[in-house]
Amino acid sequence: MSALNVDSFASASLSTAMMQESQQKMANLKARAHSGNTDRNAAVEKARQVASEFESVFLSQMLKPMFAPLDTAPPFGGGQAEEMWRGLMIDEYGKAMTKNGGIGIADAVFNQMLKLQEAQ
């Protein structure tokens, strides 16, 4: 295999792994949202936390394409380690944005979750 084919294969494998990780995170969020808890205050707090985590994952997914075309500096950057680190960094950016107010998705999701809980 040429270096280009190996890099393309590694990049495709990494993209697949990142997509599977994102899907797993969403499945975990859904599981948390549907897990039973009879205490109203605990349920409200859990809904708030799940909504914030959802916004965090959403923002991370929106930021990933922004960082995709960035090249790395040749002497110190590049390689699979940087690609993995970049994904983790973007996840942390999403969490930090949500922690500092986000863009309002968490509030909308939280309100809808409360409406769904009250309807049951």
PDB file of N, CA and C in Angstrom:
ATOM      1  N   MET A   1       0.842  -1.195   0.000  1.00  0.00           N
ATOM      2  CA  MET A   1       0.000   0.000   0.000  1.00  0.00           C
ATOM      3  C   MET A   1       0.879   1.247   0.000  1.00  0.00           C
ATOM      4  N   SER A   2       0.459   2.222  -0.730  1.00  0.00           N
ATOM      5  CA  SER A   2       1.208   3.467  -0.721  1.00  0.00           C
ATOM      6  C   SER A   2       0.850   4.263   0.533  1.00  0.00           C
ATOM      7  N   ALA A   3       1.687   5.266   0.819  1.00  0.00           N
ATOM      8  CA  ALA A   3       1.455   6.091   2.013  1.00  0.00           C
ATOM      9  C   ALA A   3       0.103   6.784   1.933  1.00  0.00           C
ATOM     10  N   LEU A   4      -0.284   7.204   0.731  1.00  0.00           N
ATOM     11  CA  LEU A   4      -1.568   7.887   0.564  1.00  0.00           C
ATOM     12  C   LEU A   4      -2.729   6.949   0.884  1.00  0.00           C
ATOM     13  N   ASN A   5      -2.652   5.711   0.421  1.00  0.00           N
ATOM     14  CA  ASN A   5      -3.720   4.747   0.697  1.00  0.00           C
ATOM     15  C   ASN A   5      -3.799   4.430   2.176  1.00  0.00           C
ATOM     16  N   VAL A   6      -2.647   4.312   2.839  1.00  0.00           N
ATOM     17  CA  VAL A   6      -2.632   4.028   4.274  1.00  0.00           C
ATOM     18  C   VAL A   6      -3.244   5.195   5.035  1.00  0.00           C
ATOM     19  N   ASP A   7      -2.864   6.426   4.656  1.00  0.00           N
ATOM     20  CA  ASP A   7      -3.433   7.598   5.314  1.00  0.00           C
ATOM     21  C   ASP A   7      -4.927   7.693   5.082  1.00  0.00           C
ATOM     22  N   SER A   8      -5.385   7.409   3.861  1.00  0.00           N
ATOM     23  CA  SER A   8      -6.818   7.449   3.556  1.00  0.00           C
ATOM     24  C   SER A   8      -7.564   6.397   4.356  1.00  0.00           C
ATOM     25  N   PHE A   9      -6.985   5.198   4.448  1.00  0.00           N
ATOM     26  CA  PHE A   9      -7.613   4.125   5.219  1.00  0.00           C
ATOM     27  C   PHE A   9      -7.679   4.498   6.696  1.00  0.00           C
ATOM     28  N   ALA A  10      -6.572   5.039   7.234  1.00  0.00           N
ATOM     29  CA  ALA A  10      -6.539   5.431   8.647  1.00  0.00           C
ATOM     30  C   ALA A  10      -7.543   6.536   8.910  1.00  0.00           C
ATOM     31  N   SER A  11      -7.635   7.476   7.996  1.00  0.00           N
ATOM     32  CA  SER A  11      -8.567   8.585   8.158  1.00  0.00           C
ATOM     33  C   SER A  11     -10.017   8.089   8.106  1.00  0.00           C
ATOM     34  N   ALA A  12     -10.313   7.169   7.189  1.00  0.00           N
ATOM     35  CA  ALA A  12     -11.668   6.623   7.090  1.00  0.00           C
ATOM     36  C   ALA A  12     -12.006   5.812   8.333  1.00  0.00           C
ATOM     37  N   SER A  13     -11.030   5.039   8.829  1.00  0.00           N
ATOM     38  CA  SER A  13     -11.264   4.252  10.041  1.00  0.00           C
ATOM     39  C   SER A  13     -11.522   5.158  11.230  1.00  0.00           C
ATOM     40  N   LEU A  14     -10.771   6.245  11.315  1.00  0.00           N
ATOM     41  CA  LEU A  14     -10.941   7.188  12.418  1.00  0.00           C
ATOM     42  C   LEU A  14     -12.311   7.855  12.330  1.00  0.00           C
ATOM     43  N   SER A  15     -12.725   8.229  11.117  1.00  0.00           N
ATOM     44  CA  SER A  15     -14.040   8.852  10.947  1.00  0.00           C
ATOM     45  C   SER A  15     -15.146   7.893  11.362  1.00  0.00           C
ATOM     46  N   THR A  16     -15.006   6.630  11.004  1.00  0.00           N
ATOM     47  CA  THR A  16     -15.998   5.628  11.386  1.00  0.00           C
ATOM     48  C   THR A  16     -16.032   5.470  12.898  1.00  0.00           C
ATOM     49  N   ALA A  17     -14.855   5.436  13.508  1.00  0.00           N
ATOM     50  CA  ALA A  17     -14.785   5.300  14.967  1.00  0.00           C
ATOM     51  C   ALA A  17     -15.420   6.504  15.656  1.00  0.00           C
ATOM     52  N   MET A  18     -15.186   7.712  15.131  1.00  0.00           N
ATOM     53  CA  MET A  18     -15.763   8.919  15.724  1.00  0.00           C
ATOM     54  C   MET A  18     -17.285   8.905  15.582  1.00  0.00           C
ATOM     55  N   MET A  19     -17.783   8.437  14.439  1.00  0.00           N
ATOM     56  CA  MET A  19     -19.223   8.376  14.222  1.00  0.00           C
ATOM     57  C   MET A  19     -19.859   7.370  15.182  1.00  0.00           C
ATOM     58  N   GLN A  20     -19.202   6.213  15.362  1.00  0.00           N
ATOM     59  CA  GLN A  20     -19.722   5.217  16.287  1.00  0.00           C
ATOM     60  C   GLN A  20     -19.709   5.751  17.711  1.00  0.00           C
ATOM     61  N   GLU A  21     -18.659   6.506  18.065  1.00  0.00           N
ATOM     62  CA  GLU A  21     -18.585   7.095  19.403  1.00  0.00           C
ATOM     63  C   GLU A  21     -19.732   8.083  19.611  1.00  0.00           C
ATOM     64  N   SER A  22     -20.009   8.902  18.615  1.00  0.00           N
ATOM     65  CA  SER A  22     -21.104   9.870  18.705  1.00  0.00           C
ATOM     66  C   SER A  22     -22.446   9.164  18.840  1.00  0.00           C
ATOM     67  N   GLN A  23     -22.634   8.086  18.078  1.00  0.00           N
ATOM     68  CA  GLN A  23     -23.877   7.333  18.176  1.00  0.00           C
ATOM     69  C   GLN A  23     -24.021   6.694  19.550  1.00  0.00           C
ATOM     70  N   GLN A  24     -22.912   6.211  20.110  1.00  0.00           N
ATOM     71  CA  GLN A  24     -22.947   5.623  21.447  1.00  0.00           C
ATOM     72  C   GLN A  24     -23.309   6.686  22.484  1.00  0.00           C
ATOM     73  N   LYS A  25     -22.744   7.889  22.341  1.00  0.00           N
ATOM     74  CA  LYS A  25     -23.067   8.973  23.270  1.00  0.00           C
ATOM     75  C   LYS A  25     -24.553   9.308  23.209  1.00  0.00           C
ATOM     76  N   MET A  26     -25.111   9.366  21.997  1.00  0.00           N
ATOM     77  CA  MET A  26     -26.524   9.671  21.849  1.00  0.00           C
ATOM     78  C   MET A  26     -27.383   8.564  22.459  1.00  0.00           C
ATOM     79  N   ALA A  27     -26.966   7.312  22.277  1.00  0.00           N
ATOM     80  CA  ALA A  27     -27.712   6.203  22.868  1.00  0.00           C
ATOM     81  C   ALA A  27     -27.674   6.288  24.394  1.00  0.00           C
ATOM     82  N   ASN A  28     -26.522   6.654  24.946  1.00  0.00           N
ATOM     83  CA  ASN A  28     -26.406   6.817  26.397  1.00  0.00           C
ATOM     84  C   ASN A  28     -27.301   7.946  26.897  1.00  0.00           C
ATOM     85  N   LEU A  29     -27.345   9.043  26.137  1.00  0.00           N
ATOM     86  CA  LEU A  29     -28.208  10.158  26.525  1.00  0.00           C
ATOM     87  C   LEU A  29     -29.675   9.737  26.519  1.00  0.00           C
ATOM     88  N   LYS A  30     -30.074   8.984  25.499  1.00  0.00           N
ATOM     89  CA  LYS A  30     -31.458   8.515  25.429  1.00  0.00           C
ATOM     90  C   LYS A  30     -31.771   7.570  26.580  1.00  0.00           C
ATOM     91  N   ALA A  31     -30.815   6.703  26.894  1.00  0.00           N
ATOM     92  CA  ALA A  31     -31.031   5.766  28.000  1.00  0.00           C
ATOM     93  C   ALA A  31     -31.186   6.508  29.318  1.00  0.00           C
ATOM     94  N   ARG A  32     -30.380   7.544  29.512  1.00  0.00           N
ATOM     95  CA  ARG A  32     -30.500   8.345  30.733  1.00  0.00           C
ATOM     96  C   ARG A  32     -31.847   9.056  30.799  1.00  0.00           C
ATOM     97  N   ALA A  33     -32.295   9.543  29.663  1.00  0.00           N
ATOM     98  CA  ALA A  33     -33.568  10.267  29.639  1.00  0.00           C
ATOM     99  C   ALA A  33     -34.746   9.348  29.947  1.00  0.00           C
ATOM    100  N   HIS A  34     -34.645   8.079  29.560  1.00  0.00           N
ATOM    101  CA  HIS A  34     -35.755   7.152  29.752  1.00  0.00           C
ATOM    102  C   HIS A  34     -35.664   6.330  31.034  1.00  0.00           C
ATOM    103  N   SER A  35     -34.565   6.448  31.772  1.00  0.00           N
ATOM    104  CA  SER A  35     -34.449   5.648  32.993  1.00  0.00           C
ATOM    105  C   SER A  35     -35.418   6.189  34.040  1.00  0.00           C
ATOM    106  N   GLY A  36     -36.010   5.282  34.798  1.00  0.00           N
ATOM    107  CA  GLY A  36     -37.060   5.659  35.742  1.00  0.00           C
ATOM    108  C   GLY A  36     -36.529   6.274  37.023  1.00  0.00           C
ATOM    109  N   ASN A  37     -37.200   7.329  37.484  1.00  0.00           N
ATOM    110  CA  ASN A  37     -36.881   7.962  38.759  1.00  0.00           C
ATOM    111  C   ASN A  37     -38.152   8.649  39.232  1.00  0.00           C
ATOM    112  N   THR A  38     -38.653   8.249  40.405  1.00  0.00           N
ATOM    113  CA  THR A  38     -39.938   8.761  40.879  1.00  0.00           C
ATOM    114  C   THR A  38     -39.823  10.110  41.565  1.00  0.00           C
ATOM    115  N   ASP A  39     -38.675  10.456  42.047  1.00  0.00           N
ATOM    116  CA  ASP A  39     -38.497  11.733  42.735  1.00  0.00           C
ATOM    117  C   ASP A  39     -38.508  12.868  41.712  1.00  0.00           C
ATOM    118  N   ARG A  40     -39.461  13.787  41.832  1.00  0.00           N
ATOM    119  CA  ARG A  40     -39.640  14.870  40.852  1.00  0.00           C
ATOM    120  C   ARG A  40     -38.405  15.746  40.715  1.00  0.00           C
ATOM    121  N   ASN A  41     -37.807  16.172  41.825  1.00  0.00           N
ATOM    122  CA  ASN A  41     -36.629  17.030  41.762  1.00  0.00           C
ATOM    123  C   ASN A  41     -35.459  16.321  41.091  1.00  0.00           C
ATOM    124  N   ALA A  42     -35.279  15.059  41.401  1.00  0.00           N
ATOM    125  CA  ALA A  42     -34.198  14.289  40.782  1.00  0.00           C
ATOM    126  C   ALA A  42     -34.451  14.126  39.289  1.00  0.00           C
ATOM    127  N   ALA A  43     -35.726  13.922  38.919  1.00  0.00           N
ATOM    128  CA  ALA A  43     -36.069  13.771  37.502  1.00  0.00           C
ATOM    129  C   ALA A  43     -35.830  15.069  36.742  1.00  0.00           C
ATOM    130  N   VAL A  44     -36.165  16.186  37.353  1.00  0.00           N
ATOM    131  CA  VAL A  44     -35.963  17.486  36.707  1.00  0.00           C
ATOM    132  C   VAL A  44     -34.466  17.753  36.547  1.00  0.00           C
ATOM    133  N   GLU A  45     -33.690  17.459  37.577  1.00  0.00           N
ATOM    134  CA  GLU A  45     -32.244  17.671  37.510  1.00  0.00           C
ATOM    135  C   GLU A  45     -31.614  16.759  36.452  1.00  0.00           C
ATOM    136  N   LYS A  46     -32.084  15.539  36.389  1.00  0.00           N
ATOM    137  CA  LYS A  46     -31.577  14.592  35.400  1.00  0.00           C
ATOM    138  C   LYS A  46     -31.926  15.074  33.989  1.00  0.00           C
ATOM    139  N   ALA A  47     -33.121  15.581  33.806  1.00  0.00           N
ATOM    140  CA  ALA A  47     -33.531  16.099  32.502  1.00  0.00           C
ATOM    141  C   ALA A  47     -32.672  17.290  32.105  1.00  0.00           C
ATOM    142  N   ARG A  48     -32.385  18.149  33.058  1.00  0.00           N
ATOM    143  CA  ARG A  48     -31.516  19.308  32.784  1.00  0.00           C
ATOM    144  C   ARG A  48     -30.125  18.834  32.358  1.00  0.00           C
ATOM    145  N   GLN A  49     -29.588  17.836  33.049  1.00  0.00           N
ATOM    146  CA  GLN A  49     -28.257  17.316  32.742  1.00  0.00           C
ATOM    147  C   GLN A  49     -28.234  16.654  31.357  1.00  0.00           C
ATOM    148  N   VAL A  50     -29.248  15.868  31.053  1.00  0.00           N
ATOM    149  CA  VAL A  50     -29.320  15.199  29.753  1.00  0.00           C
ATOM    150  C   VAL A  50     -29.446  16.227  28.633  1.00  0.00           C
ATOM    151  N   ALA A  51     -30.246  17.259  28.847  1.00  0.00           N
ATOM    152  CA  ALA A  51     -30.396  18.310  27.837  1.00  0.00           C
ATOM    153  C   ALA A  51     -29.073  19.026  27.604  1.00  0.00           C
ATOM    154  N   SER A  52     -28.329  19.288  28.664  1.00  0.00           N
ATOM    155  CA  SER A  52     -27.019  19.930  28.525  1.00  0.00           C
ATOM    156  C   SER A  52     -26.037  19.027  27.791  1.00  0.00           C
ATOM    157  N   GLU A  53     -26.057  17.751  28.106  1.00  0.00           N
ATOM    158  CA  GLU A  53     -25.177  16.810  27.414  1.00  0.00           C
ATOM    159  C   GLU A  53     -25.551  16.706  25.933  1.00  0.00           C
ATOM    160  N   PHE A  54     -26.842  16.751  25.649  1.00  0.00           N
ATOM    161  CA  PHE A  54     -27.281  16.723  24.254  1.00  0.00           C
ATOM    162  C   PHE A  54     -26.744  17.936  23.504  1.00  0.00           C
ATOM    163  N   GLU A  55     -26.873  19.114  24.105  1.00  0.00           N
ATOM    164  CA  GLU A  55     -26.359  20.321  23.455  1.00  0.00           C
ATOM    165  C   GLU A  55     -24.849  20.227  23.264  1.00  0.00           C
ATOM    166  N   SER A  56     -24.164  19.686  24.234  1.00  0.00           N
ATOM    167  CA  SER A  56     -22.722  19.521  24.147  1.00  0.00           C
ATOM    168  C   SER A  56     -22.330  18.624  22.971  1.00  0.00           C
ATOM    169  N   VAL A  57     -23.014  17.498  22.824  1.00  0.00           N
ATOM    170  CA  VAL A  57     -22.749  16.583  21.708  1.00  0.00           C
ATOM    171  C   VAL A  57     -23.101  17.255  20.382  1.00  0.00           C
ATOM    172  N   PHE A  58     -24.217  17.958  20.342  1.00  0.00           N
ATOM    173  CA  PHE A  58     -24.631  18.658  19.127  1.00  0.00           C
ATOM    174  C   PHE A  58     -23.591  19.684  18.707  1.00  0.00           C
ATOM    175  N   LEU A  59     -23.133  20.505  19.658  1.00  0.00           N
ATOM    176  CA  LEU A  59     -22.141  21.518  19.330  1.00  0.00           C
ATOM    177  C   LEU A  59     -20.836  20.884  18.863  1.00  0.00           C
ATOM    178  N   SER A  60     -20.440  19.798  19.479  1.00  0.00           N
ATOM    179  CA  SER A  60     -19.223  19.104  19.059  1.00  0.00           C
ATOM    180  C   SER A  60     -19.350  18.633  17.612  1.00  0.00           C
ATOM    181  N   GLN A  61     -20.511  18.074  17.270  1.00  0.00           N
ATOM    182  CA  GLN A  61     -20.721  17.606  15.902  1.00  0.00           C
ATOM    183  C   GLN A  61     -20.721  18.763  14.905  1.00  0.00           C
ATOM    184  N   MET A  62     -21.208  19.920  15.318  1.00  0.00           N
ATOM    185  CA  MET A  62     -21.213  21.078  14.434  1.00  0.00           C
ATOM    186  C   MET A  62     -19.809  21.679  14.275  1.00  0.00           C
ATOM    187  N   LEU A  63     -18.968  21.537  15.293  1.00  0.00           N
ATOM    188  CA  LEU A  63     -17.616  22.085  15.233  1.00  0.00           C
ATOM    189  C   LEU A  63     -16.652  21.208  14.434  1.00  0.00           C
ATOM    190  N   LYS A  64     -16.898  19.912  14.368  1.00  0.00           N
ATOM    191  CA  LYS A  64     -15.957  18.997  13.700  1.00  0.00           C
ATOM    192  C   LYS A  64     -15.674  19.394  12.257  1.00  0.00           C
ATOM    193  N   PRO A  65     -16.661  19.714  11.429  1.00  0.00           N
ATOM    194  CA  PRO A  65     -16.340  20.101  10.050  1.00  0.00           C
ATOM    195  C   PRO A  65     -15.513  21.384   9.967  1.00  0.00           C
ATOM    196  N   MET A  66     -15.644  22.244  10.949  1.00  0.00           N
ATOM    197  CA  MET A  66     -14.880  23.485  10.951  1.00  0.00           C
ATOM    198  C   MET A  66     -13.382  23.210  11.103  1.00  0.00           C
ATOM    199  N   PHE A  67     -13.035  22.187  11.869  1.00  0.00           N
ATOM    200  CA  PHE A  67     -11.637  21.875  12.108  1.00  0.00           C
ATOM    201  C   PHE A  67     -11.066  20.889  11.083  1.00  0.00           C
ATOM    202  N   ALA A  68     -11.909  20.241  10.307  1.00  0.00           N
ATOM    203  CA  ALA A  68     -11.451  19.212   9.373  1.00  0.00           C
ATOM    204  C   ALA A  68     -10.429  19.711   8.353  1.00  0.00           C
ATOM    205  N   PRO A  69     -10.627  20.875   7.733  1.00  0.00           N
ATOM    206  CA  PRO A  69      -9.669  21.276   6.692  1.00  0.00           C
ATOM    207  C   PRO A  69      -8.357  21.876   7.220  1.00  0.00           C
ATOM    208  N   LEU A  70      -8.223  22.049   8.507  1.00  0.00           N
ATOM    209  CA  LEU A  70      -7.010  22.658   9.041  1.00  0.00           C
ATOM    210  C   LEU A  70      -5.815  21.728   8.909  1.00  0.00           C
ATOM    211  N   ASP A  71      -4.751  22.267   8.339  1.00  0.00           N
ATOM    212  CA  ASP A  71      -3.514  21.495   8.228  1.00  0.00           C
ATOM    213  C   ASP A  71      -2.698  21.709   9.491  1.00  0.00           C
ATOM    214  N   THR A  72      -1.771  20.783   9.721  1.00  0.00           N
ATOM    215  CA  THR A  72      -0.936  20.879  10.913  1.00  0.00           C
ATOM    216  C   THR A  72       0.475  21.285  10.525  1.00  0.00           C
ATOM    217  N   ALA A  73       1.178  21.855  11.464  1.00  0.00           N
ATOM    218  CA  ALA A  73       2.549  22.294  11.217  1.00  0.00           C
ATOM    219  C   ALA A  73       3.450  21.067  11.089  1.00  0.00           C
ATOM    220  N   PRO A  74       4.250  20.985  10.030  1.00  0.00           N
ATOM    221  CA  PRO A  74       5.065  19.800   9.789  1.00  0.00           C
ATOM    222  C   PRO A  74       6.049  19.400  10.898  1.00  0.00           C
ATOM    223  N   PRO A  75       6.766  20.299  11.534  1.00  0.00           N
ATOM    224  CA  PRO A  75       7.770  19.800  12.484  1.00  0.00           C
ATOM    225  C   PRO A  75       7.176  19.045  13.676  1.00  0.00           C
ATOM    226  N   PHE A  76       6.035  19.488  14.178  1.00  0.00           N
ATOM    227  CA  PHE A  76       5.502  18.889  15.399  1.00  0.00           C
ATOM    228  C   PHE A  76       4.119  18.283  15.246  1.00  0.00           C
ATOM    229  N   GLY A  77       3.386  18.638  14.215  1.00  0.00           N
ATOM    230  CA  GLY A  77       2.004  18.210  14.114  1.00  0.00           C
ATOM    231  C   GLY A  77       1.805  17.058  13.161  1.00  0.00           C
ATOM    232  N   GLY A  78       0.569  16.611  13.091  1.00  0.00           N
ATOM    233  CA  GLY A  78       0.170  15.580  12.151  1.00  0.00           C
ATOM    234  C   GLY A  78       0.098  14.204  12.771  1.00  0.00           C
ATOM    235  N   GLY A  79      -0.366  13.264  11.969  1.00  0.00           N
ATOM    236  CA  GLY A  79      -0.433  11.878  12.402  1.00  0.00           C
ATOM    237  C   GLY A  79      -1.750  11.529  13.063  1.00  0.00           C
ATOM    238  N   GLN A  80      -1.866  10.238  13.394  1.00  0.00           N
ATOM    239  CA  GLN A  80      -3.098   9.745  14.005  1.00  0.00           C
ATOM    240  C   GLN A  80      -3.311  10.313  15.402  1.00  0.00           C
ATOM    241  N   ALA A  81      -2.223  10.508  16.130  1.00  0.00           N
ATOM    242  CA  ALA A  81      -2.367  11.024  17.493  1.00  0.00           C
ATOM    243  C   ALA A  81      -3.026  12.399  17.484  1.00  0.00           C
ATOM    244  N   GLU A  82      -2.628  13.228  16.546  1.00  0.00           N
ATOM    245  CA  GLU A  82      -3.230  14.553  16.494  1.00  0.00           C
ATOM    246  C   GLU A  82      -4.690  14.482  16.079  1.00  0.00           C
ATOM    247  N   GLU A  83      -5.027  13.586  15.166  1.00  0.00           N
ATOM    248  CA  GLU A  83      -6.418  13.433  14.754  1.00  0.00           C
ATOM    249  C   GLU A  83      -7.280  13.000  15.935  1.00  0.00           C
ATOM    250  N   MET A  84      -6.762  12.085  16.731  1.00  0.00           N
ATOM    251  CA  MET A  84      -7.513  11.636  17.910  1.00  0.00           C
ATOM    252  C   MET A  84      -7.622  12.766  18.927  1.00  0.00           C
ATOM    253  N   TRP A  85      -6.532  13.468  19.150  1.00  0.00           N
ATOM    254  CA  TRP A  85      -6.531  14.565  20.112  1.00  0.00           C
ATOM    255  C   TRP A  85      -7.489  15.656  19.673  1.00  0.00           C
ATOM    256  N   ARG A  86      -7.505  15.948  18.375  1.00  0.00           N
ATOM    257  CA  ARG A  86      -8.380  16.994  17.859  1.00  0.00           C
ATOM    258  C   ARG A  86      -9.841  16.656  18.146  1.00  0.00           C
ATOM    259  N   GLY A  87     -10.230  15.382  17.969  1.00  0.00           N
ATOM    260  CA  GLY A  87     -11.597  14.972  18.269  1.00  0.00           C
ATOM    261  C   GLY A  87     -11.947  15.179  19.733  1.00  0.00           C
ATOM    262  N   LEU A  88     -11.017  14.830  20.616  1.00  0.00           N
ATOM    263  CA  LEU A  88     -11.247  15.034  22.051  1.00  0.00           C
ATOM    264  C   LEU A  88     -11.324  16.515  22.388  1.00  0.00           C
ATOM    265  N   MET A  89     -10.465  17.305  21.748  1.00  0.00           N
ATOM    266  CA  MET A  89     -10.465  18.746  21.983  1.00  0.00           C
ATOM    267  C   MET A  89     -11.803  19.357  21.559  1.00  0.00           C
ATOM    268  N   ILE A  90     -12.317  18.918  20.419  1.00  0.00           N
ATOM    269  CA  ILE A  90     -13.592  19.443  19.933  1.00  0.00           C
ATOM    270  C   ILE A  90     -14.729  19.057  20.879  1.00  0.00           C
ATOM    271  N   ASP A  91     -14.695  17.835  21.417  1.00  0.00           N
ATOM    272  CA  ASP A  91     -15.698  17.435  22.409  1.00  0.00           C
ATOM    273  C   ASP A  91     -15.644  18.351  23.630  1.00  0.00           C
ATOM    274  N   GLU A  92     -14.445  18.684  24.066  1.00  0.00           N
ATOM    275  CA  GLU A  92     -14.295  19.574  25.215  1.00  0.00           C
ATOM    276  C   GLU A  92     -14.754  20.993  24.885  1.00  0.00           C
ATOM    277  N   TYR A  93     -14.529  21.443  23.649  1.00  0.00           N
ATOM    278  CA  TYR A  93     -15.058  22.744  23.230  1.00  0.00           C
ATOM    279  C   TYR A  93     -16.577  22.756  23.342  1.00  0.00           C
ATOM    280  N   GLY A  94     -17.218  21.685  22.899  1.00  0.00           N
ATOM    281  CA  GLY A  94     -18.672  21.587  22.987  1.00  0.00           C
ATOM    282  C   GLY A  94     -19.148  21.643  24.430  1.00  0.00           C
ATOM    283  N   LYS A  95     -18.448  20.925  25.313  1.00  0.00           N
ATOM    284  CA  LYS A  95     -18.813  20.947  26.740  1.00  0.00           C
ATOM    285  C   LYS A  95     -18.615  22.335  27.335  1.00  0.00           C
ATOM    286  N   ALA A  96     -17.505  22.990  26.986  1.00  0.00           N
ATOM    287  CA  ALA A  96     -17.229  24.323  27.523  1.00  0.00           C
ATOM    288  C   ALA A  96     -18.253  25.344  27.028  1.00  0.00           C
ATOM    289  N   MET A  97     -18.625  25.238  25.763  1.00  0.00           N
ATOM    290  CA  MET A  97     -19.629  26.162  25.229  1.00  0.00           C
ATOM    291  C   MET A  97     -20.958  25.981  25.945  1.00  0.00           C
ATOM    292  N   THR A  98     -21.346  24.735  26.179  1.00  0.00           N
ATOM    293  CA  THR A  98     -22.605  24.456  26.871  1.00  0.00           C
ATOM    294  C   THR A  98     -22.549  24.960  28.305  1.00  0.00           C
ATOM    295  N   LYS A  99     -21.424  24.733  28.971  1.00  0.00           N
ATOM    296  CA  LYS A  99     -21.271  25.154  30.364  1.00  0.00           C
ATOM    297  C   LYS A  99     -21.372  26.672  30.500  1.00  0.00           C
ATOM    298  N   ASN A 100     -20.936  27.397  29.478  1.00  0.00           N
ATOM    299  CA  ASN A 100     -20.949  28.856  29.512  1.00  0.00           C
ATOM    300  C   ASN A 100     -22.178  29.457  28.831  1.00  0.00           C
ATOM    301  N   GLY A 101     -23.255  28.701  28.756  1.00  0.00           N
ATOM    302  CA  GLY A 101     -24.499  29.254  28.242  1.00  0.00           C
ATOM    303  C   GLY A 101     -24.978  28.621  26.963  1.00  0.00           C
ATOM    304  N   GLY A 102     -24.073  28.064  26.177  1.00  0.00           N
ATOM    305  CA  GLY A 102     -24.458  27.387  24.945  1.00  0.00           C
ATOM    306  C   GLY A 102     -25.171  28.302  23.972  1.00  0.00           C
ATOM    307  N   ILE A 103     -25.996  27.688  23.129  1.00  0.00           N
ATOM    308  CA  ILE A 103     -26.745  28.454  22.131  1.00  0.00           C
ATOM    309  C   ILE A 103     -28.248  28.306  22.326  1.00  0.00           C
ATOM    310  N   GLY A 104     -28.653  27.738  23.442  1.00  0.00           N
ATOM    311  CA  GLY A 104     -30.070  27.655  23.770  1.00  0.00           C
ATOM    312  C   GLY A 104     -30.729  26.323  23.470  1.00  0.00           C
ATOM    313  N   ILE A 105     -29.991  25.398  22.905  1.00  0.00           N
ATOM    314  CA  ILE A 105     -30.584  24.101  22.582  1.00  0.00           C
ATOM    315  C   ILE A 105     -30.963  23.348  23.850  1.00  0.00           C
ATOM    316  N   ALA A 106     -30.089  23.404  24.864  1.00  0.00           N
ATOM    317  CA  ALA A 106     -30.350  22.674  26.109  1.00  0.00           C
ATOM    318  C   ALA A 106     -31.669  23.126  26.745  1.00  0.00           C
ATOM    319  N   ASP A 107     -31.936  24.425  26.737  1.00  0.00           N
ATOM    320  CA  ASP A 107     -33.174  24.932  27.320  1.00  0.00           C
ATOM    321  C   ASP A 107     -34.398  24.430  26.558  1.00  0.00           C
ATOM    322  N   ALA A 108     -34.311  24.455  25.227  1.00  0.00           N
ATOM    323  CA  ALA A 108     -35.437  23.987  24.410  1.00  0.00           C
ATOM    324  C   ALA A 108     -35.677  22.491  24.617  1.00  0.00           C
ATOM    325  N   VAL A 109     -34.596  21.717  24.637  1.00  0.00           N
ATOM    326  CA  VAL A 109     -34.720  20.270  24.846  1.00  0.00           C
ATOM    327  C   VAL A 109     -35.276  19.991  26.240  1.00  0.00           C
ATOM    328  N   PHE A 110     -34.770  20.717  27.236  1.00  0.00           N
ATOM    329  CA  PHE A 110     -35.230  20.544  28.620  1.00  0.00           C
ATOM    330  C   PHE A 110     -36.725  20.820  28.728  1.00  0.00           C
ATOM    331  N   ASN A 111     -37.193  21.912  28.131  1.00  0.00           N
ATOM    332  CA  ASN A 111     -38.620  22.250  28.172  1.00  0.00           C
ATOM    333  C   ASN A 111     -39.474  21.172  27.509  1.00  0.00           C
ATOM    334  N   GLN A 112     -39.008  20.648  26.384  1.00  0.00           N
ATOM    335  CA  GLN A 112     -39.757  19.583  25.703  1.00  0.00           C
ATOM    336  C   GLN A 112     -39.775  18.300  26.535  1.00  0.00           C
ATOM    337  N   MET A 113     -38.656  18.000  27.201  1.00  0.00           N
ATOM    338  CA  MET A 113     -38.618  16.814  28.047  1.00  0.00           C
ATOM    339  C   MET A 113     -39.597  16.939  29.211  1.00  0.00           C
ATOM    340  N   LEU A 114     -39.681  18.140  29.790  1.00  0.00           N
ATOM    341  CA  LEU A 114     -40.631  18.342  30.893  1.00  0.00           C
ATOM    342  C   LEU A 114     -42.068  18.199  30.401  1.00  0.00           C
ATOM    343  N   LYS A 115     -42.364  18.725  29.220  1.00  0.00           N
ATOM    344  CA  LYS A 115     -43.707  18.588  28.664  1.00  0.00           C
ATOM    345  C   LYS A 115     -44.051  17.132  28.431  1.00  0.00           C
ATOM    346  N   LEU A 116     -43.093  16.364  27.947  1.00  0.00           N
ATOM    347  CA  LEU A 116     -43.332  14.936  27.709  1.00  0.00           C
ATOM    348  C   LEU A 116     -43.550  14.192  29.015  1.00  0.00           C
ATOM    349  N   GLN A 117     -42.799  14.552  30.050  1.00  0.00           N
ATOM    350  CA  GLN A 117     -42.951  13.902  31.355  1.00  0.00           C
ATOM    351  C   GLN A 117     -44.300  14.239  31.972  1.00  0.00           C
ATOM    352  N   GLU A 118     -44.749  15.483  31.816  1.00  0.00           N
ATOM    353  CA  GLU A 118     -46.034  15.887  32.393  1.00  0.00           C
ATOM    354  C   GLU A 118     -47.193  15.225  31.667  1.00  0.00           C
ATOM    355  N   ALA A 119     -46.998  14.940  30.378  1.00  0.00           N
ATOM    356  CA  ALA A 119     -48.058  14.309  29.600  1.00  0.00           C
ATOM    357  C   ALA A 119     -48.262  12.847  29.986  1.00  0.00           C
ATOM    358  N   GLN A 120     -47.251  12.246  30.573  1.00  0.00           N
ATOM    359  CA  GLN A 120     -47.359  10.825  30.925  1.00  0.00           C
ATOM    360  C   GLN A 120     -48.140  10.627  32.159  1.00  0.00           C
TER     361      GLN A 120
END
